[in-house]
Amino acid sequence: MSNAAPRGKRPRIAGAMLTSKPGLTGPAKRLSYWGAASVFWSAGLVERLVEAGLIERFSHPKDRRQVLVRITDKGRELVEGLKRGIVRNLQELFKDLSQEDIEAWLRIYRTIIRRSTQQLHAAKS
């Protein structure tokens, strides 16, 4: 049995982890819920992100069994750079679209986000 997450899940899991709000922490195990990946695979992802200096791992102050993770300044800088690049690319793609096409894209995008969020919450329960 493979410990790899399905191909389409990897960027979403890492992205979800790296886009956490400043100061926000969470159990490393939660990654497996975000992307429907195995806990074993998620642990490997955490290790790679720690080694890259993008997140830091630490013990829960009241429950030593839990391992918490939070994004580092280096990780936050990487995410901000990625966001700027995405915005630049979208602006370039949208410059020749009509207002009607942009509004249609936004409706579709919002629907995808809403459904993804609903699926994420359903997977947690």
PDB file of N, CA and C in Angstrom:
ATOM      1  N   MET A   1       0.834  -1.181   0.000  1.00  0.00           N
ATOM      2  CA  MET A   1       0.000   0.000   0.000  1.00  0.00           C
ATOM      3  C   MET A   1       0.878   1.244   0.000  1.00  0.00           C
ATOM      4  N   SER A   2       0.564   2.167  -0.872  1.00  0.00           N
ATOM      5  CA  SER A   2       1.373   3.375  -1.010  1.00  0.00           C
ATOM      6  C   SER A   2       1.047   4.373   0.087  1.00  0.00           C
ATOM      7  N   ASN A   3       2.056   5.096   0.530  1.00  0.00           N
ATOM      8  CA  ASN A   3       1.817   6.134   1.539  1.00  0.00           C
ATOM      9  C   ASN A   3       1.698   7.503   0.896  1.00  0.00           C
ATOM     10  N   ALA A   4       1.672   7.546  -0.420  1.00  0.00           N
ATOM     11  CA  ALA A   4       1.592   8.826  -1.124  1.00  0.00           C
ATOM     12  C   ALA A   4       0.153   9.308  -1.201  1.00  0.00           C
ATOM     13  N   ALA A   5       0.004  10.615  -1.122  1.00  0.00           N
ATOM     14  CA  ALA A   5      -1.320  11.208  -1.315  1.00  0.00           C
ATOM     15  C   ALA A   5      -1.630  11.178  -2.798  1.00  0.00           C
ATOM     16  N   PRO A   6      -2.897  11.176  -3.141  1.00  0.00           N
ATOM     17  CA  PRO A   6      -3.244  11.271  -4.556  1.00  0.00           C
ATOM     18  C   PRO A   6      -2.600  12.514  -5.156  1.00  0.00           C
ATOM     19  N   ARG A   7      -2.178  12.419  -6.405  1.00  0.00           N
ATOM     20  CA  ARG A   7      -1.416  13.498  -7.042  1.00  0.00           C
ATOM     21  C   ARG A   7      -2.016  14.878  -6.856  1.00  0.00           C
ATOM     22  N   GLY A   8      -3.291  15.040  -7.060  1.00  0.00           N
ATOM     23  CA  GLY A   8      -3.919  16.347  -6.956  1.00  0.00           C
ATOM     24  C   GLY A   8      -3.989  16.881  -5.547  1.00  0.00           C
ATOM     25  N   LYS A   9      -3.740  16.065  -4.550  1.00  0.00           N
ATOM     26  CA  LYS A   9      -3.878  16.483  -3.162  1.00  0.00           C
ATOM     27  C   LYS A   9      -2.633  17.172  -2.631  1.00  0.00           C
ATOM     28  N   ARG A  10      -1.474  16.824  -3.128  1.00  0.00           N
ATOM     29  CA  ARG A  10      -0.231  17.334  -2.544  1.00  0.00           C
ATOM     30  C   ARG A  10      -0.159  18.856  -2.491  1.00  0.00           C
ATOM     31  N   PRO A  11      -0.378  19.558  -3.596  1.00  0.00           N
ATOM     32  CA  PRO A  11      -0.288  21.026  -3.508  1.00  0.00           C
ATOM     33  C   PRO A  11      -1.341  21.606  -2.570  1.00  0.00           C
ATOM     34  N   ARG A  12      -2.536  21.022  -2.552  1.00  0.00           N
ATOM     35  CA  ARG A  12      -3.589  21.562  -1.701  1.00  0.00           C
ATOM     36  C   ARG A  12      -3.222  21.418  -0.229  1.00  0.00           C
ATOM     37  N   ILE A  13      -2.645  20.286   0.137  1.00  0.00           N
ATOM     38  CA  ILE A  13      -2.265  20.075   1.532  1.00  0.00           C
ATOM     39  C   ILE A  13      -1.170  21.054   1.934  1.00  0.00           C
ATOM     40  N   ALA A  14      -0.124  21.132   1.135  1.00  0.00           N
ATOM     41  CA  ALA A  14       0.976  22.045   1.460  1.00  0.00           C
ATOM     42  C   ALA A  14       0.481  23.485   1.447  1.00  0.00           C
ATOM     43  N   GLY A  15      -0.358  23.819   0.487  1.00  0.00           N
ATOM     44  CA  GLY A  15      -0.907  25.170   0.416  1.00  0.00           C
ATOM     45  C   GLY A  15      -1.749  25.500   1.620  1.00  0.00           C
ATOM     46  N   ALA A  16      -2.575  24.569   2.037  1.00  0.00           N
ATOM     47  CA  ALA A  16      -3.415  24.797   3.211  1.00  0.00           C
ATOM     48  C   ALA A  16      -2.553  25.015   4.437  1.00  0.00           C
ATOM     49  N   MET A  17      -1.501  24.256   4.520  1.00  0.00           N
ATOM     50  CA  MET A  17      -0.638  24.375   5.683  1.00  0.00           C
ATOM     51  C   MET A  17       0.112  25.698   5.659  1.00  0.00           C
ATOM     52  N   LEU A  18       0.596  26.084   4.512  1.00  0.00           N
ATOM     53  CA  LEU A  18       1.416  27.288   4.421  1.00  0.00           C
ATOM     54  C   LEU A  18       0.610  28.568   4.425  1.00  0.00           C
ATOM     55  N   THR A  19      -0.686  28.482   4.190  1.00  0.00           N
ATOM     56  CA  THR A  19      -1.484  29.703   4.183  1.00  0.00           C
ATOM     57  C   THR A  19      -2.139  29.962   5.521  1.00  0.00           C
ATOM     58  N   SER A  20      -1.746  29.217   6.535  1.00  0.00           N
ATOM     59  CA  SER A  20      -2.289  29.449   7.868  1.00  0.00           C
ATOM     60  C   SER A  20      -2.016  30.869   8.311  1.00  0.00           C
ATOM     61  N   LYS A  21      -2.922  31.415   9.091  1.00  0.00           N
ATOM     62  CA  LYS A  21      -2.771  32.778   9.597  1.00  0.00           C
ATOM     63  C   LYS A  21      -1.568  32.861  10.532  1.00  0.00           C
ATOM     64  N   PRO A  22      -0.916  34.007  10.577  1.00  0.00           N
ATOM     65  CA  PRO A  22       0.223  34.175  11.472  1.00  0.00           C
ATOM     66  C   PRO A  22      -0.148  33.813  12.908  1.00  0.00           C
ATOM     67  N   GLY A  23       0.698  33.020  13.524  1.00  0.00           N
ATOM     68  CA  GLY A  23       0.461  32.639  14.906  1.00  0.00           C
ATOM     69  C   GLY A  23      -0.487  31.467  15.064  1.00  0.00           C
ATOM     70  N   LEU A  24      -1.163  31.071  13.989  1.00  0.00           N
ATOM     71  CA  LEU A  24      -2.100  29.960  14.064  1.00  0.00           C
ATOM     72  C   LEU A  24      -1.321  28.659  14.082  1.00  0.00           C
ATOM     73  N   THR A  25      -1.677  27.799  14.979  1.00  0.00           N
ATOM     74  CA  THR A  25      -1.017  26.502  15.052  1.00  0.00           C
ATOM     75  C   THR A  25      -2.073  25.421  14.947  1.00  0.00           C
ATOM     76  N   GLY A  26      -1.620  24.214  14.724  1.00  0.00           N
ATOM     77  CA  GLY A  26      -2.560  23.112  14.660  1.00  0.00           C
ATOM     78  C   GLY A  26      -1.824  21.800  14.712  1.00  0.00           C
ATOM     79  N   PRO A  27      -2.566  20.728  15.032  1.00  0.00           N
ATOM     80  CA  PRO A  27      -1.947  19.408  15.067  1.00  0.00           C
ATOM     81  C   PRO A  27      -1.468  19.000  13.680  1.00  0.00           C
ATOM     82  N   ALA A  28      -0.297  18.405  13.620  1.00  0.00           N
ATOM     83  CA  ALA A  28       0.237  17.936  12.344  1.00  0.00           C
ATOM     84  C   ALA A  28      -0.704  16.917  11.715  1.00  0.00           C
ATOM     85  N   LYS A  29      -1.387  16.154  12.531  1.00  0.00           N
ATOM     86  CA  LYS A  29      -2.299  15.123  12.044  1.00  0.00           C
ATOM     87  C   LYS A  29      -3.427  15.713  11.206  1.00  0.00           C
ATOM     88  N   ARG A  30      -3.772  16.977  11.432  1.00  0.00           N
ATOM     89  CA  ARG A  30      -4.866  17.620  10.708  1.00  0.00           C
ATOM     90  C   ARG A  30      -4.617  17.641   9.205  1.00  0.00           C
ATOM     91  N   LEU A  31      -3.354  17.608   8.787  1.00  0.00           N
ATOM     92  CA  LEU A  31      -3.044  17.587   7.363  1.00  0.00           C
ATOM     93  C   LEU A  31      -3.720  16.429   6.653  1.00  0.00           C
ATOM     94  N   SER A  32      -3.828  15.308   7.322  1.00  0.00           N
ATOM     95  CA  SER A  32      -4.451  14.157   6.676  1.00  0.00           C
ATOM     96  C   SER A  32      -5.921  14.415   6.399  1.00  0.00           C
ATOM     97  N   TYR A  33      -6.563  15.265   7.200  1.00  0.00           N
ATOM     98  CA  TYR A  33      -7.962  15.612   6.940  1.00  0.00           C
ATOM     99  C   TYR A  33      -8.077  16.589   5.773  1.00  0.00           C
ATOM    100  N   TRP A  34      -7.148  17.539   5.683  1.00  0.00           N
ATOM    101  CA  TRP A  34      -7.204  18.545   4.633  1.00  0.00           C
ATOM    102  C   TRP A  34      -7.137  17.928   3.249  1.00  0.00           C
ATOM    103  N   GLY A  35      -6.345  16.921   3.098  1.00  0.00           N
ATOM    104  CA  GLY A  35      -6.142  16.392   1.756  1.00  0.00           C
ATOM    105  C   GLY A  35      -6.508  14.944   1.579  1.00  0.00           C
ATOM    106  N   ALA A  36      -7.158  14.342   2.534  1.00  0.00           N
ATOM    107  CA  ALA A  36      -7.523  12.936   2.470  1.00  0.00           C
ATOM    108  C   ALA A  36      -6.292  12.070   2.241  1.00  0.00           C
ATOM    109  N   ALA A  37      -5.166  12.488   2.790  1.00  0.00           N
ATOM    110  CA  ALA A  37      -3.926  11.731   2.688  1.00  0.00           C
ATOM    111  C   ALA A  37      -3.724  10.945   3.975  1.00  0.00           C
ATOM    112  N   SER A  38      -2.868   9.964   3.911  1.00  0.00           N
ATOM    113  CA  SER A  38      -2.608   9.171   5.111  1.00  0.00           C
ATOM    114  C   SER A  38      -1.836  10.003   6.134  1.00  0.00           C
ATOM    115  N   VAL A  39      -1.985   9.636   7.384  1.00  0.00           N
ATOM    116  CA  VAL A  39      -1.230  10.307   8.448  1.00  0.00           C
ATOM    117  C   VAL A  39       0.263  10.097   8.203  1.00  0.00           C
ATOM    118  N   PHE A  40       0.635   8.919   7.726  1.00  0.00           N
ATOM    119  CA  PHE A  40       2.043   8.620   7.448  1.00  0.00           C
ATOM    120  C   PHE A  40       2.587   9.569   6.374  1.00  0.00           C
ATOM    121  N   TRP A  41       1.826   9.751   5.286  1.00  0.00           N
ATOM    122  CA  TRP A  41       2.273  10.658   4.229  1.00  0.00           C
ATOM    123  C   TRP A  41       2.359  12.078   4.761  1.00  0.00           C
ATOM    124  N   SER A  42       1.368  12.490   5.549  1.00  0.00           N
ATOM    125  CA  SER A  42       1.349  13.845   6.101  1.00  0.00           C
ATOM    126  C   SER A  42       2.560  14.081   6.992  1.00  0.00           C
ATOM    127  N   ALA A  43       2.950  13.071   7.756  1.00  0.00           N
ATOM    128  CA  ALA A  43       4.138  13.206   8.614  1.00  0.00           C
ATOM    129  C   ALA A  43       5.376  13.457   7.766  1.00  0.00           C
ATOM    130  N   GLY A  44       5.461  12.794   6.610  1.00  0.00           N
ATOM    131  CA  GLY A  44       6.583  13.024   5.701  1.00  0.00           C
ATOM    132  C   GLY A  44       6.572  14.437   5.149  1.00  0.00           C
ATOM    133  N   LEU A  45       5.384  14.938   4.844  1.00  0.00           N
ATOM    134  CA  LEU A  45       5.256  16.308   4.357  1.00  0.00           C
ATOM    135  C   LEU A  45       5.716  17.287   5.431  1.00  0.00           C
ATOM    136  N   VAL A  46       5.277  17.071   6.657  1.00  0.00           N
ATOM    137  CA  VAL A  46       5.694  17.938   7.765  1.00  0.00           C
ATOM    138  C   VAL A  46       7.215  17.929   7.874  1.00  0.00           C
ATOM    139  N   GLU A  47       7.799  16.750   7.803  1.00  0.00           N
ATOM    140  CA  GLU A  47       9.260  16.647   7.921  1.00  0.00           C
ATOM    141  C   GLU A  47       9.955  17.436   6.808  1.00  0.00           C
ATOM    142  N   ARG A  48       9.471  17.316   5.585  1.00  0.00           N
ATOM    143  CA  ARG A  48      10.090  18.043   4.460  1.00  0.00           C
ATOM    144  C   ARG A  48       9.931  19.556   4.619  1.00  0.00           C
ATOM    145  N   LEU A  49       8.771  19.989   5.085  1.00  0.00           N
ATOM    146  CA  LEU A  49       8.552  21.423   5.289  1.00  0.00           C
ATOM    147  C   LEU A  49       9.411  21.959   6.437  1.00  0.00           C
ATOM    148  N   VAL A  50       9.594  21.166   7.481  1.00  0.00           N
ATOM    149  CA  VAL A  50      10.478  21.558   8.593  1.00  0.00           C
ATOM    150  C   VAL A  50      11.910  21.681   8.076  1.00  0.00           C
ATOM    151  N   GLU A  51      12.354  20.661   7.327  1.00  0.00           N
ATOM    152  CA  GLU A  51      13.725  20.682   6.792  1.00  0.00           C
ATOM    153  C   GLU A  51      13.960  21.886   5.884  1.00  0.00           C
ATOM    154  N   ALA A  52      12.909  22.302   5.159  1.00  0.00           N
ATOM    155  CA  ALA A  52      13.031  23.461   4.271  1.00  0.00           C
ATOM    156  C   ALA A  52      12.922  24.784   5.035  1.00  0.00           C
ATOM    157  N   GLY A  53      12.616  24.715   6.329  1.00  0.00           N
ATOM    158  CA  GLY A  53      12.492  25.920   7.140  1.00  0.00           C
ATOM    159  C   GLY A  53      11.185  26.664   6.926  1.00  0.00           C
ATOM    160  N   LEU A  54      10.177  26.001   6.345  1.00  0.00           N
ATOM    161  CA  LEU A  54       8.908  26.655   6.053  1.00  0.00           C
ATOM    162  C   LEU A  54       7.911  26.559   7.200  1.00  0.00           C
ATOM    163  N   ILE A  55       8.064  25.554   8.032  1.00  0.00           N
ATOM    164  CA  ILE A  55       7.233  25.401   9.226  1.00  0.00           C
ATOM    165  C   ILE A  55       8.125  24.969  10.375  1.00  0.00           C
ATOM    166  N   GLU A  56       7.590  25.091  11.578  1.00  0.00           N
ATOM    167  CA  GLU A  56       8.300  24.566  12.751  1.00  0.00           C
ATOM    168  C   GLU A  56       7.342  23.660  13.514  1.00  0.00           C
ATOM    169  N   ARG A  57       7.899  22.670  14.123  1.00  0.00           N
ATOM    170  CA  ARG A  57       7.129  21.676  14.853  1.00  0.00           C
ATOM    171  C   ARG A  57       7.469  21.824  16.335  1.00  0.00           C
ATOM    172  N   PHE A  58       6.466  21.650  17.189  1.00  0.00           N
ATOM    173  CA  PHE A  58       6.702  21.716  18.624  1.00  0.00           C
ATOM    174  C   PHE A  58       5.623  20.926  19.353  1.00  0.00           C
ATOM    175  N   SER A  59       5.876  20.607  20.595  1.00  0.00           N
ATOM    176  CA  SER A  59       4.921  19.843  21.401  1.00  0.00           C
ATOM    177  C   SER A  59       3.845  20.755  21.961  1.00  0.00           C
ATOM    178  N   HIS A  60       2.665  20.221  22.091  1.00  0.00           N
ATOM    179  CA  HIS A  60       1.557  20.935  22.722  1.00  0.00           C
ATOM    180  C   HIS A  60       1.938  21.179  24.176  1.00  0.00           C
ATOM    181  N   PRO A  61       1.751  22.387  24.691  1.00  0.00           N
ATOM    182  CA  PRO A  61       2.192  22.685  26.056  1.00  0.00           C
ATOM    183  C   PRO A  61       1.455  21.877  27.128  1.00  0.00           C
ATOM    184  N   LYS A  62       0.222  21.450  26.843  1.00  0.00           N
ATOM    185  CA  LYS A  62      -0.535  20.712  27.854  1.00  0.00           C
ATOM    186  C   LYS A  62      -0.693  19.231  27.537  1.00  0.00           C
ATOM    187  N   ASP A  63      -0.436  18.846  26.299  1.00  0.00           N
ATOM    188  CA  ASP A  63      -0.590  17.451  25.896  1.00  0.00           C
ATOM    189  C   ASP A  63       0.607  17.051  25.045  1.00  0.00           C
ATOM    190  N   ARG A  64       1.617  16.478  25.673  1.00  0.00           N
ATOM    191  CA  ARG A  64       2.877  16.146  24.998  1.00  0.00           C
ATOM    192  C   ARG A  64       2.701  15.119  23.877  1.00  0.00           C
ATOM    193  N   ARG A  65       1.534  14.478  23.813  1.00  0.00           N
ATOM    194  CA  ARG A  65       1.292  13.503  22.745  1.00  0.00           C
ATOM    195  C   ARG A  65       1.028  14.205  21.410  1.00  0.00           C
ATOM    196  N   GLN A  66       0.580  15.450  21.466  1.00  0.00           N
ATOM    197  CA  GLN A  66       0.267  16.189  20.246  1.00  0.00           C
ATOM    198  C   GLN A  66       1.491  16.928  19.729  1.00  0.00           C
ATOM    199  N   VAL A  67       1.655  16.888  18.414  1.00  0.00           N
ATOM    200  CA  VAL A  67       2.699  17.662  17.756  1.00  0.00           C
ATOM    201  C   VAL A  67       1.994  18.781  16.995  1.00  0.00           C
ATOM    202  N   LEU A  68       2.365  20.009  17.294  1.00  0.00           N
ATOM    203  CA  LEU A  68       1.775  21.171  16.634  1.00  0.00           C
ATOM    204  C   LEU A  68       2.751  21.717  15.608  1.00  0.00           C
ATOM    205  N   VAL A  69       2.216  22.377  14.604  1.00  0.00           N
ATOM    206  CA  VAL A  69       3.058  23.001  13.583  1.00  0.00           C
ATOM    207  C   VAL A  69       2.566  24.420  13.350  1.00  0.00           C
ATOM    208  N   ARG A  70       3.490  25.280  12.944  1.00  0.00           N
ATOM    209  CA  ARG A  70       3.116  26.640  12.558  1.00  0.00           C
ATOM    210  C   ARG A  70       4.093  27.103  11.480  1.00  0.00           C
ATOM    211  N   ILE A  71       3.605  28.005  10.669  1.00  0.00           N
ATOM    212  CA  ILE A  71       4.401  28.527   9.567  1.00  0.00           C
ATOM    213  C   ILE A  71       5.481  29.459  10.120  1.00  0.00           C
ATOM    214  N   THR A  72       6.634  29.423   9.487  1.00  0.00           N
ATOM    215  CA  THR A  72       7.736  30.303   9.875  1.00  0.00           C
ATOM    216  C   THR A  72       7.689  31.575   9.038  1.00  0.00           C
ATOM    217  N   ASP A  73       8.527  32.526   9.388  1.00  0.00           N
ATOM    218  CA  ASP A  73       8.621  33.752   8.580  1.00  0.00           C
ATOM    219  C   ASP A  73       9.027  33.414   7.150  1.00  0.00           C
ATOM    220  N   LYS A  74       9.958  32.478   6.992  1.00  0.00           N
ATOM    221  CA  LYS A  74      10.392  32.060   5.652  1.00  0.00           C
ATOM    222  C   LYS A  74       9.213  31.464   4.881  1.00  0.00           C
ATOM    223  N   GLY A  75       8.407  30.644   5.535  1.00  0.00           N
ATOM    224  CA  GLY A  75       7.232  30.056   4.894  1.00  0.00           C
ATOM    225  C   GLY A  75       6.223  31.118   4.501  1.00  0.00           C
ATOM    226  N   ARG A  76       6.009  32.077   5.383  1.00  0.00           N
ATOM    227  CA  ARG A  76       5.069  33.165   5.115  1.00  0.00           C
ATOM    228  C   ARG A  76       5.542  33.999   3.925  1.00  0.00           C
ATOM    229  N   GLU A  77       6.846  34.269   3.853  1.00  0.00           N
ATOM    230  CA  GLU A  77       7.401  35.024   2.723  1.00  0.00           C
ATOM    231  C   GLU A  77       7.196  34.266   1.417  1.00  0.00           C
ATOM    232  N   LEU A  78       7.384  32.945   1.448  1.00  0.00           N
ATOM    233  CA  LEU A  78       7.171  32.130   0.258  1.00  0.00           C
ATOM    234  C   LEU A  78       5.712  32.221  -0.194  1.00  0.00           C
ATOM    235  N   VAL A  79       4.791  32.094   0.744  1.00  0.00           N
ATOM    236  CA  VAL A  79       3.364  32.155   0.420  1.00  0.00           C
ATOM    237  C   VAL A  79       3.004  33.514  -0.161  1.00  0.00           C
ATOM    238  N   GLU A  80       3.508  34.582   0.451  1.00  0.00           N
ATOM    239  CA  GLU A  80       3.204  35.922  -0.061  1.00  0.00           C
ATOM    240  C   GLU A  80       3.731  36.096  -1.481  1.00  0.00           C
ATOM    241  N   GLY A  81       4.917  35.576  -1.757  1.00  0.00           N
ATOM    242  CA  GLY A  81       5.466  35.641  -3.114  1.00  0.00           C
ATOM    243  C   GLY A  81       4.617  34.857  -4.102  1.00  0.00           C
ATOM    244  N   LEU A  82       4.146  33.687  -3.680  1.00  0.00           N
ATOM    245  CA  LEU A  82       3.272  32.880  -4.536  1.00  0.00           C
ATOM    246  C   LEU A  82       1.960  33.607  -4.811  1.00  0.00           C
ATOM    247  N   LYS A  83       1.411  34.225  -3.772  1.00  0.00           N
ATOM    248  CA  LYS A  83       0.161  34.974  -3.950  1.00  0.00           C
ATOM    249  C   LYS A  83       0.338  36.108  -4.949  1.00  0.00           C
ATOM    250  N   ARG A  84       1.443  36.844  -4.819  1.00  0.00           N
ATOM    251  CA  ARG A  84       1.703  37.944  -5.754  1.00  0.00           C
ATOM    252  C   ARG A  84       1.812  37.424  -7.187  1.00  0.00           C
ATOM    253  N   GLY A  85       2.473  36.292  -7.354  1.00  0.00           N
ATOM    254  CA  GLY A  85       2.607  35.699  -8.686  1.00  0.00           C
ATOM    255  C   GLY A  85       1.259  35.271  -9.251  1.00  0.00           C
ATOM    256  N   ILE A  86       0.411  34.697  -8.409  1.00  0.00           N
ATOM    257  CA  ILE A  86      -0.920  34.277  -8.855  1.00  0.00           C
ATOM    258  C   ILE A  86      -1.733  35.490  -9.283  1.00  0.00           C
ATOM    259  N   VAL A  87      -1.689  36.549  -8.477  1.00  0.00           N
ATOM    260  CA  VAL A  87      -2.429  37.768  -8.813  1.00  0.00           C
ATOM    261  C   VAL A  87      -1.930  38.331 -10.143  1.00  0.00           C
ATOM    262  N   ARG A  88      -0.624  38.376 -10.319  1.00  0.00           N
ATOM    263  CA  ARG A  88      -0.048  38.882 -11.581  1.00  0.00           C
ATOM    264  C   ARG A  88      -0.533  38.043 -12.768  1.00  0.00           C
ATOM    265  N   ASN A  89      -0.506  36.719 -12.603  1.00  0.00           N
ATOM    266  CA  ASN A  89      -0.942  35.838 -13.690  1.00  0.00           C
ATOM    267  C   ASN A  89      -2.425  36.018 -13.990  1.00  0.00           C
ATOM    268  N   LEU A  90      -3.242  36.141 -12.956  1.00  0.00           N
ATOM    269  CA  LEU A  90      -4.676  36.348 -13.175  1.00  0.00           C
ATOM    270  C   LEU A  90      -4.947  37.677 -13.873  1.00  0.00           C
ATOM    271  N   GLN A  91      -4.235  38.705 -13.457  1.00  0.00           N
ATOM    272  CA  GLN A  91      -4.413  40.009 -14.101  1.00  0.00           C
ATOM    273  C   GLN A  91      -4.076  39.921 -15.591  1.00  0.00           C
ATOM    274  N   GLU A  92      -3.020  39.205 -15.892  1.00  0.00           N
ATOM    275  CA  GLU A  92      -2.622  39.033 -17.295  1.00  0.00           C
ATOM    276  C   GLU A  92      -3.679  38.242 -18.063  1.00  0.00           C
ATOM    277  N   LEU A  93      -4.188  37.182 -17.452  1.00  0.00           N
ATOM    278  CA  LEU A  93      -5.216  36.369 -18.108  1.00  0.00           C
ATOM    279  C   LEU A  93      -6.525  37.124 -18.294  1.00  0.00           C
ATOM    280  N   PHE A  94      -6.854  37.965 -17.342  1.00  0.00           N
ATOM    281  CA  PHE A  94      -8.153  38.662 -17.364  1.00  0.00           C
ATOM    282  C   PHE A  94      -8.156  39.924 -18.216  1.00  0.00           C
ATOM    283  N   LYS A  95      -7.004  40.412 -18.588  1.00  0.00           N
ATOM    284  CA  LYS A  95      -6.963  41.717 -19.245  1.00  0.00           C
ATOM    285  C   LYS A  95      -7.755  41.759 -20.550  1.00  0.00           C
ATOM    286  N   ASP A  96      -7.892  40.640 -21.238  1.00  0.00           N
ATOM    287  CA  ASP A  96      -8.625  40.619 -22.499  1.00  0.00           C
ATOM    288  C   ASP A  96     -10.035  40.060 -22.369  1.00  0.00           C
ATOM    289  N   LEU A  97     -10.481  39.756 -21.151  1.00  0.00           N
ATOM    290  CA  LEU A  97     -11.822  39.215 -20.949  1.00  0.00           C
ATOM    291  C   LEU A  97     -12.839  40.341 -20.795  1.00  0.00           C
ATOM    292  N   SER A  98     -14.040  40.047 -21.216  1.00  0.00           N
ATOM    293  CA  SER A  98     -15.122  41.009 -21.022  1.00  0.00           C
ATOM    294  C   SER A  98     -15.552  40.986 -19.558  1.00  0.00           C
ATOM    295  N   GLN A  99     -16.253  42.014 -19.137  1.00  0.00           N
ATOM    296  CA  GLN A  99     -16.771  42.067 -17.765  1.00  0.00           C
ATOM    297  C   GLN A  99     -17.692  40.877 -17.502  1.00  0.00           C
ATOM    298  N   GLU A 100     -18.477  40.513 -18.500  1.00  0.00           N
ATOM    299  CA  GLU A 100     -19.399  39.380 -18.376  1.00  0.00           C
ATOM    300  C   GLU A 100     -18.626  38.072 -18.137  1.00  0.00           C
ATOM    301  N   ASP A 101     -17.530  37.877 -18.854  1.00  0.00           N
ATOM    302  CA  ASP A 101     -16.717  36.670 -18.677  1.00  0.00           C
ATOM    303  C   ASP A 101     -16.052  36.643 -17.303  1.00  0.00           C
ATOM    304  N   ILE A 102     -15.590  37.792 -16.848  1.00  0.00           N
ATOM    305  CA  ILE A 102     -14.966  37.874 -15.523  1.00  0.00           C
ATOM    306  C   ILE A 102     -15.986  37.533 -14.439  1.00  0.00           C
ATOM    307  N   GLU A 103     -17.186  38.075 -14.559  1.00  0.00           N
ATOM    308  CA  GLU A 103     -18.234  37.777 -13.577  1.00  0.00           C
ATOM    309  C   GLU A 103     -18.614  36.306 -13.594  1.00  0.00           C
ATOM    310  N   ALA A 104     -18.654  35.689 -14.768  1.00  0.00           N
ATOM    311  CA  ALA A 104     -18.946  34.247 -14.867  1.00  0.00           C
ATOM    312  C   ALA A 104     -17.843  33.446 -14.184  1.00  0.00           C
ATOM    313  N   TRP A 105     -16.590  33.829 -14.416  1.00  0.00           N
ATOM    314  CA  TRP A 105     -15.472  33.141 -13.781  1.00  0.00           C
ATOM    315  C   TRP A 105     -15.562  33.254 -12.262  1.00  0.00           C
ATOM    316  N   LEU A 106     -15.873  34.441 -11.781  1.00  0.00           N
ATOM    317  CA  LEU A 106     -15.987  34.650 -10.339  1.00  0.00           C
ATOM    318  C   LEU A 106     -17.102  33.799  -9.731  1.00  0.00           C
ATOM    319  N   ARG A 107     -18.241  33.682 -10.421  1.00  0.00           N
ATOM    320  CA  ARG A 107     -19.331  32.825  -9.924  1.00  0.00           C
ATOM    321  C   ARG A 107     -18.879  31.377  -9.824  1.00  0.00           C
ATOM    322  N   ILE A 108     -18.199  30.902 -10.848  1.00  0.00           N
ATOM    323  CA  ILE A 108     -17.717  29.518 -10.849  1.00  0.00           C
ATOM    324  C   ILE A 108     -16.682  29.323  -9.747  1.00  0.00           C
ATOM    325  N   TYR A 109     -15.753  30.252  -9.644  1.00  0.00           N
ATOM    326  CA  TYR A 109     -14.702  30.163  -8.619  1.00  0.00           C
ATOM    327  C   TYR A 109     -15.308  30.126  -7.221  1.00  0.00           C
ATOM    328  N   ARG A 110     -16.254  31.004  -6.941  1.00  0.00           N
ATOM    329  CA  ARG A 110     -16.894  31.036  -5.622  1.00  0.00           C
ATOM    330  C   ARG A 110     -17.644  29.740  -5.338  1.00  0.00           C
ATOM    331  N   THR A 111     -18.282  29.165  -6.364  1.00  0.00           N
ATOM    332  CA  THR A 111     -18.983  27.895  -6.195  1.00  0.00           C
ATOM    333  C   THR A 111     -18.000  26.783  -5.850  1.00  0.00           C
ATOM    334  N   ILE A 112     -16.876  26.752  -6.535  1.00  0.00           N
ATOM    335  CA  ILE A 112     -15.847  25.739  -6.257  1.00  0.00           C
ATOM    336  C   ILE A 112     -15.327  25.887  -4.839  1.00  0.00           C
ATOM    337  N   ILE A 113     -15.044  27.102  -4.412  1.00  0.00           N
ATOM    338  CA  ILE A 113     -14.549  27.345  -3.050  1.00  0.00           C
ATOM    339  C   ILE A 113     -15.591  26.906  -2.029  1.00  0.00           C
ATOM    340  N   ARG A 114     -16.839  27.272  -2.235  1.00  0.00           N
ATOM    341  CA  ARG A 114     -17.905  26.911  -1.296  1.00  0.00           C
ATOM    342  C   ARG A 114     -18.045  25.391  -1.199  1.00  0.00           C
ATOM    343  N   ARG A 115     -18.054  24.715  -2.329  1.00  0.00           N
ATOM    344  CA  ARG A 115     -18.195  23.253  -2.317  1.00  0.00           C
ATOM    345  C   ARG A 115     -16.974  22.571  -1.707  1.00  0.00           C
ATOM    346  N   SER A 116     -15.818  23.081  -1.982  1.00  0.00           N
ATOM    347  CA  SER A 116     -14.596  22.515  -1.388  1.00  0.00           C
ATOM    348  C   SER A 116     -14.617  22.660   0.126  1.00  0.00           C
ATOM    349  N   THR A 117     -15.047  23.820   0.588  1.00  0.00           N
ATOM    350  CA  THR A 117     -15.142  24.056   2.036  1.00  0.00           C
ATOM    351  C   THR A 117     -16.150  23.118   2.661  1.00  0.00           C
ATOM    352  N   GLN A 118     -17.294  22.920   2.004  1.00  0.00           N
ATOM    353  CA  GLN A 118     -18.295  21.996   2.518  1.00  0.00           C
ATOM    354  C   GLN A 118     -17.752  20.574   2.586  1.00  0.00           C
ATOM    355  N   GLN A 119     -17.014  20.160   1.562  1.00  0.00           N
ATOM    356  CA  GLN A 119     -16.426  18.816   1.564  1.00  0.00           C
ATOM    357  C   GLN A 119     -15.391  18.680   2.670  1.00  0.00           C
ATOM    358  N   LEU A 120     -14.613  19.708   2.896  1.00  0.00           N
ATOM    359  CA  LEU A 120     -13.604  19.679   3.951  1.00  0.00           C
ATOM    360  C   LEU A 120     -14.268  19.504   5.305  1.00  0.00           C
ATOM    361  N   HIS A 121     -15.329  20.274   5.557  1.00  0.00           N
ATOM    362  CA  HIS A 121     -16.040  20.167   6.841  1.00  0.00           C
ATOM    363  C   HIS A 121     -16.711  18.813   6.975  1.00  0.00           C
ATOM    364  N   ALA A 122     -17.245  18.275   5.885  1.00  0.00           N
ATOM    365  CA  ALA A 122     -17.875  16.957   5.926  1.00  0.00           C
ATOM    366  C   ALA A 122     -16.849  15.878   6.228  1.00  0.00           C
ATOM    367  N   ALA A 123     -15.638  16.021   5.692  1.00  0.00           N
ATOM    368  CA  ALA A 123     -14.586  15.036   5.919  1.00  0.00           C
ATOM    369  C   ALA A 123     -14.118  15.037   7.372  1.00  0.00           C
ATOM    370  N   LYS A 124     -14.185  16.197   8.023  1.00  0.00           N
ATOM    371  CA  LYS A 124     -13.757  16.307   9.418  1.00  0.00           C
ATOM    372  C   LYS A 124     -14.756  15.671  10.377  1.00  0.00           C
ATOM    373  N   SER A 125     -16.036  15.631   9.974  1.00  0.00           N
ATOM    374  CA  SER A 125     -17.039  15.108  10.905  1.00  0.00           C
ATOM    375  C   SER A 125     -17.253  13.623  10.775  1.00  0.00           C
TER     376      SER A 125
END
